[in-house]
Amino acid sequence: MSDVVLETRGLVKRFGALTATDDVSIDLRTGEIHAVIGPNGAGKSTLIQQICGGLVPDVGQVFLQGRDVSGLSTAARAQAGLGRTFQISALCMEDGVLENAVLGAIGAQGASWRCWRGALRTEGLVARAEAALARVGLADQREVRCANLSHGQRRQLEVAVALTLEPKAFVMDEPMAGLGAEGSKEMTAFLDGLRSEAPILLVEHDMDAVFALADRISVLVYGKIIATGTADEIRASAAVRDAYLGEEA
């Protein structure tokens, strides 16, 4: 059996004369963290949107565990096992930590969210949500209003919401954004342990975190993957240094 969990094949997305992704083929394998890096405007957000269902590619396909999910909606891909966290938080800030996690558990069952508060009395959904909160270290914060969490705790809660979907793969959009040095260190350690639950496709600008975490790194520049390799291979690439890393390498 292939160890490829998530794969894109030849993704192309054009906006008028701009080609935002140009024949992008990458894969994510069992137990790994595969980072996608590149300068602003490289096409990273467009790539994530195509993988997660927010944008339909002009050309190309997305596969999850060998299944072509290119025609599925964002919600259907989530139910199929694609867990996503966002650069800008998508949490319900006025609701509690447990309530946010229960929302994810409802989505995992494909149920309607219209009467979701009643789900707080549904034992199975609450148990799934509480298990996810315990996994990310937020069990003691279950009654806290989301708006009162620290930035790092909100990031952890986003992961907990994704975990309720029992994801086969994570797609994470800049989980270090807004974290200080200590917060980034804690999040790096957390993500390092999370890969054993599901592999992570990581889009990130924090190069210290990327080089510490990634088994493989793909570099996206002007919509094209110009290099894929280990951290050492990417550091050593003259093309990558010239296009993006510069002295950071």
Foldseek 3Di string as FASTA:
>chain_A
DFQWFKWKAQFWADDVVAILAGGDIDTFGALFEEEEEEDPSLNPVVVVCQQQAVDQTPDIFMDGRNHTCSPPHNLVVLLVAEAEADPDHPFDQQAFLLLRLLVLLCSNVVHDCPPSVVCVPVVVSSVLLLVLCVLLVNNVRRRPGNNPDDLLVSLSSSSSSSVSNLHQEYEYEASCPPPDPVSLVVVLVSVQVCSNSHYYYHYHDPVVSCLVGGQKYFYGGSNYTPDMDHSVVLVPDPVNCVRPCPPVD
